Amino acid sequence: MVGARCKTCDAPLIWARFAESNKPVPLDAEPDPNGRIVFVGAGIVRVRGKNEPAPAGRSYTSHFATCPDADQHRLPGV
C-alpha cells in the first residue's frame, strides 16, 4: 500500500509481501540503489542476491532497517 506512514516515526512507507512466504514487509518509500529488496510484481518482492545487480529504481530497503523504533513493531519471537 503506497501512502502509508510508520506509526511511530511517521516516515512514508510502501507495504509489500514477500513472494515466497507471503509475509508483509514495510519498505522505505524511496527507492534505494543499495537496497536488497526488489519488486517482482504488483506488491510482491524478493530479496536480491549479494552479487546480483540492483535494478534501476526497483530496489528498496526494509523500514525495519531504518526505523529508530523498529523494535516496537517486531512480532514476538522474530
Protein backbone atom coordinates (compact mmCIF):
# COMPACT_ATOMS: atom_id res chain seq x y z
CA MET A 1 0.00 0.00 0.00
CA VAL A 2 1.54 3.27 -1.13
CA GLY A 3 0.82 6.31 1.01
CA ALA A 4 1.10 4.55 4.37
CA ARG A 5 3.17 6.04 7.18
CA CYS A 6 5.08 4.49 10.07
CA LYS A 7 3.01 4.72 13.26
CA THR A 8 5.99 5.80 15.37
CA CYS A 9 8.46 7.76 13.21
CA ASP A 10 5.89 8.93 10.60
CA ALA A 11 8.15 8.00 7.66
CA PRO A 12 6.37 7.29 4.34
CA LEU A 13 6.11 3.56 3.60
CA ILE A 14 5.20 1.10 0.91
CA TRP A 15 3.70 -2.18 2.09
CA ALA A 16 4.58 -5.28 0.07
CA ARG A 17 4.62 -9.07 0.51
CA PHE A 18 7.50 -11.46 0.06
CA ALA A 19 6.96 -13.78 -2.93
CA GLU A 20 7.99 -16.99 -1.16
CA SER A 21 6.44 -16.54 2.29
CA ASN A 22 3.63 -14.08 1.55
CA LYS A 23 4.69 -12.22 4.73
CA PRO A 24 4.11 -8.45 4.74
CA VAL A 25 7.08 -6.09 4.84
CA PRO A 26 7.16 -2.30 5.23
CA LEU A 27 9.59 -0.64 2.83
CA ASP A 28 11.02 2.86 2.87
CA ALA A 29 9.03 4.73 0.22
CA GLU A 30 12.03 5.97 -1.77
CA PRO A 31 13.99 3.56 -3.98
CA ASP A 32 17.49 2.81 -2.67
CA PRO A 33 20.22 1.78 -5.14
CA ASN A 34 21.81 -0.20 -2.28
CA GLY A 35 18.51 -1.76 -1.19
CA ARG A 36 18.30 -5.53 -1.16
CA ILE A 37 14.55 -5.83 -1.69
CA VAL A 38 13.26 -5.74 -5.27
CA PHE A 39 9.77 -5.78 -6.73
CA VAL A 40 8.93 -8.76 -8.93
CA GLY A 41 5.25 -7.96 -9.40
CA ALA A 42 2.47 -5.73 -8.12
CA GLY A 43 3.13 -5.54 -4.37
CA ILE A 44 5.34 -8.65 -4.45
CA VAL A 45 9.04 -8.50 -3.51
CA ARG A 46 12.03 -10.75 -3.02
CA VAL A 47 15.50 -10.32 -1.53
CA ARG A 48 18.18 -9.57 -4.12
CA GLY A 49 21.32 -11.69 -4.02
CA LYS A 50 24.52 -10.03 -2.75
CA ASN A 51 26.21 -10.18 -6.16
CA GLU A 52 23.05 -9.51 -8.15
CA PRO A 53 22.95 -6.03 -9.71
CA ALA A 54 20.23 -3.72 -8.44
CA PRO A 55 17.52 -2.99 -10.99
CA ALA A 56 17.30 0.77 -11.55
CA GLY A 57 14.57 2.34 -9.41
CA ARG A 58 13.27 -1.01 -8.16
CA SER A 59 15.47 -1.70 -5.11
CA TYR A 60 14.18 -0.77 -1.67
CA THR A 61 15.19 -1.05 1.97
CA SER A 62 13.05 -2.63 4.65
CA HIS A 63 11.79 0.03 7.04
CA PHE A 64 12.86 -2.27 9.90
CA ALA A 65 16.46 -1.43 8.93
CA THR A 66 15.97 2.34 9.12
CA CYS A 67 13.21 2.99 11.68
CA PRO A 68 14.53 4.25 15.02
CA ASP A 69 11.56 2.50 16.66
CA ALA A 70 11.76 -0.82 14.78
CA ASP A 71 11.85 -2.96 17.93
CA GLN A 72 8.40 -1.69 18.89
CA HIS A 73 6.96 -3.14 15.66
CA ARG A 74 8.56 -6.59 15.63
CA LEU A 75 6.35 -9.58 16.27
CA PRO A 76 7.21 -11.66 19.36
CA GLY A 77 9.83 -14.28 18.62
CA VAL A 78 11.11 -12.53 15.49
